[in-house]
C-alpha atoms as a PDB file:
ATOM      1  CA  TYR A   1      -8.503  14.316 -12.893  1.00  0.00           C
ATOM      2  CA  SER A   2     -10.140  11.209 -14.255  1.00  0.00           C
ATOM      3  CA  LYS A   3     -13.657  10.653 -15.522  1.00  0.00           C
ATOM      4  CA  ASP A   4     -13.314   6.909 -14.884  1.00  0.00           C
ATOM      5  CA  PRO A   5     -14.869   5.365 -11.739  1.00  0.00           C
ATOM      6  CA  GLU A   6     -12.454   5.201  -8.834  1.00  0.00           C
ATOM      7  CA  ASP A   7     -10.772   1.871  -8.085  1.00  0.00           C
ATOM      8  CA  PRO A   8     -11.723   0.945  -4.476  1.00  0.00           C
ATOM      9  CA  LEU A   9      -8.481  -1.032  -4.034  1.00  0.00           C
ATOM     10  CA  ALA A  10      -6.379   2.014  -4.919  1.00  0.00           C
ATOM     11  CA  ARG A  11      -8.065   4.397  -2.474  1.00  0.00           C
ATOM     12  CA  PHE A  12      -5.049   4.434  -0.146  1.00  0.00           C
ATOM     13  CA  PHE A  13      -2.597   5.208  -2.944  1.00  0.00           C
ATOM     14  CA  CYS A  14      -4.484   7.538  -5.288  1.00  0.00           C
ATOM     15  CA  PHE A  15      -6.009  10.975  -5.135  1.00  0.00           C
ATOM     16  CA  ALA A  16      -8.456  12.278  -7.704  1.00  0.00           C
ATOM     17  CA  MET A  17      -8.997  15.985  -8.195  1.00  0.00           C
ATOM     18  CA  PRO A  18     -12.743  16.712  -8.146  1.00  0.00           C
ATOM     19  CA  HIS A  19     -14.211  17.884 -11.418  1.00  0.00           C
ATOM     20  CA  GLY A  20     -13.755  21.628 -11.840  1.00  0.00           C
ATOM     21  CA  TRP A  21     -10.742  21.993  -9.529  1.00  0.00           C
ATOM     22  CA  VAL A  22      -8.241  21.730 -12.336  1.00  0.00           C
ATOM     23  CA  ARG A  23      -8.775  23.769 -15.477  1.00  0.00           C
ATOM     24  CA  VAL A  24      -5.380  23.131 -17.033  1.00  0.00           C
ATOM     25  CA  PHE A  25      -3.422  19.943 -16.405  1.00  0.00           C
ATOM     26  CA  ASP A  26       0.214  21.103 -16.568  1.00  0.00           C
ATOM     27  CA  LEU A  27       2.295  17.941 -16.566  1.00  0.00           C
ATOM     28  CA  ASP A  28       5.590  19.801 -17.017  1.00  0.00           C
ATOM     29  CA  LEU A  29       4.871  21.971 -13.973  1.00  0.00           C
ATOM     30  CA  LEU A  30       4.035  18.872 -11.917  1.00  0.00           C
ATOM     31  CA  ARG A  31       7.266  17.174 -13.026  1.00  0.00           C
ATOM     32  CA  SER A  32       9.277  20.257 -12.098  1.00  0.00           C
ATOM     33  CA  ALA A  33       7.646  20.497  -8.667  1.00  0.00           C
ATOM     34  CA  ALA A  34       8.159  16.773  -8.005  1.00  0.00           C
ATOM     35  CA  GLN A  35      11.934  17.161  -8.303  1.00  0.00           C
ATOM     36  CA  HIS A  36      11.932  19.301  -5.149  1.00  0.00           C
ATOM     37  CA  PHE A  37      11.192  16.128  -3.162  1.00  0.00           C
ATOM     38  CA  VAL A  38      14.416  14.402  -4.263  1.00  0.00           C
ATOM     39  CA  GLY A  39      16.977  14.261  -1.464  1.00  0.00           C
ATOM     40  CA  LEU A  40      17.320  13.290   2.193  1.00  0.00           C
ATOM     41  CA  HIS A  41      14.255  13.758   4.414  1.00  0.00           C
ATOM     42  CA  ASP A  42      13.285  12.917   8.006  1.00  0.00           C
ATOM     43  CA  PHE A  43      10.072  10.871   8.117  1.00  0.00           C
ATOM     44  CA  ALA A  44       9.875  10.667  11.942  1.00  0.00           C
ATOM     45  CA  HIS A  45       6.413  12.212  11.970  1.00  0.00           C
ATOM     46  CA  PHE A  46       5.090   9.366   9.818  1.00  0.00           C
ATOM     47  CA  THR A  47       5.879   6.534  12.244  1.00  0.00           C
ATOM     48  CA  GLN A  48       5.619   5.616  15.918  1.00  0.00           C
ATOM     49  CA  LEU A  49       8.611   6.591  18.039  1.00  0.00           C
ATOM     50  CA  ALA A  50       8.785   3.082  19.517  1.00  0.00           C
ATOM     51  CA  LYS A  51       9.602   1.724  16.064  1.00  0.00           C
ATOM     52  CA  LEU A  52      12.678   3.987  15.934  1.00  0.00           C
ATOM     53  CA  GLU A  53      14.322   2.567  19.063  1.00  0.00           C
ATOM     54  CA  GLY A  54      17.860   1.321  18.786  1.00  0.00           C
ATOM     55  CA  ASN A  55      19.784   2.177  15.664  1.00  0.00           C
ATOM     56  CA  ARG A  56      16.788   2.657  13.385  1.00  0.00           C
ATOM     57  CA  SER A  57      16.727   5.959  11.607  1.00  0.00           C
ATOM     58  CA  SER A  58      13.773   7.893  10.247  1.00  0.00           C
ATOM     59  CA  LEU A  59      15.995   9.463   7.579  1.00  0.00           C
ATOM     60  CA  ARG A  60      15.222   8.283   4.059  1.00  0.00           C
ATOM     61  CA  ARG A  61      16.628   9.383   0.727  1.00  0.00           C
ATOM     62  CA  ILE A  62      14.182   9.949  -2.108  1.00  0.00           C
ATOM     63  CA  GLU A  63      16.215   8.930  -5.139  1.00  0.00           C
ATOM     64  CA  ASP A  64      13.799   9.816  -7.929  1.00  0.00           C
ATOM     65  CA  VAL A  65      10.276  11.099  -8.545  1.00  0.00           C
ATOM     66  CA  ARG A  66       8.661  10.350 -11.902  1.00  0.00           C
ATOM     67  CA  VAL A  67       5.371  11.713 -13.206  1.00  0.00           C
ATOM     68  CA  VAL A  68       3.917   9.297 -15.767  1.00  0.00           C
ATOM     69  CA  ASP A  69       1.182  10.485 -18.123  1.00  0.00           C
ATOM     70  CA  GLU A  70      -1.321   7.600 -18.053  1.00  0.00           C
ATOM     71  CA  ILE A  71      -4.228   9.233 -19.869  1.00  0.00           C
ATOM     72  CA  PRO A  72      -2.987  12.410 -21.566  1.00  0.00           C
ATOM     73  CA  GLY A  73      -4.623  15.466 -20.040  1.00  0.00           C
ATOM     74  CA  GLN A  74      -6.704  13.409 -17.623  1.00  0.00           C
ATOM     75  CA  ARG A  75      -4.675  11.149 -15.364  1.00  0.00           C
ATOM     76  CA  CYS A  76      -1.074  10.811 -14.279  1.00  0.00           C
ATOM     77  CA  ARG A  77       0.803   8.534 -11.898  1.00  0.00           C
ATOM     78  CA  VAL A  78       3.563   9.679  -9.543  1.00  0.00           C
ATOM     79  CA  GLU A  79       6.240   7.073  -8.854  1.00  0.00           C
ATOM     80  CA  ILE A  80       8.689   7.610  -5.982  1.00  0.00           C
ATOM     81  CA  ASP A  81      11.921   5.660  -5.466  1.00  0.00           C
ATOM     82  CA  LEU A  82      13.382   5.797  -1.969  1.00  0.00           C
ATOM     83  CA  ASP A  83      16.048   3.879  -0.081  1.00  0.00           C
ATOM     84  CA  GLY A  84      13.717   2.210   2.410  1.00  0.00           C
ATOM     85  CA  ALA A  85      10.423   2.308   4.249  1.00  0.00           C
ATOM     86  CA  LEU A  86       9.690   2.899   7.922  1.00  0.00           C
END
């Protein structure tokens, strides 16, 4: 949750929790949950099948997920490292 105005250029990459939805910002819990995304995943539902023709695979490995505390108690950033994009 952030009290700052939203950045219109970041609207495709950011999500802000509306005021009142989050009473306690538990960064440790978010970091723990983020680690469940690490590993090999099939992203076929996030692309067009025509783009997967030939030897292209929709399997991608998420190498690391980091939760960065930008403004303590107000805003965090989630960074995801993966082995390629579709």
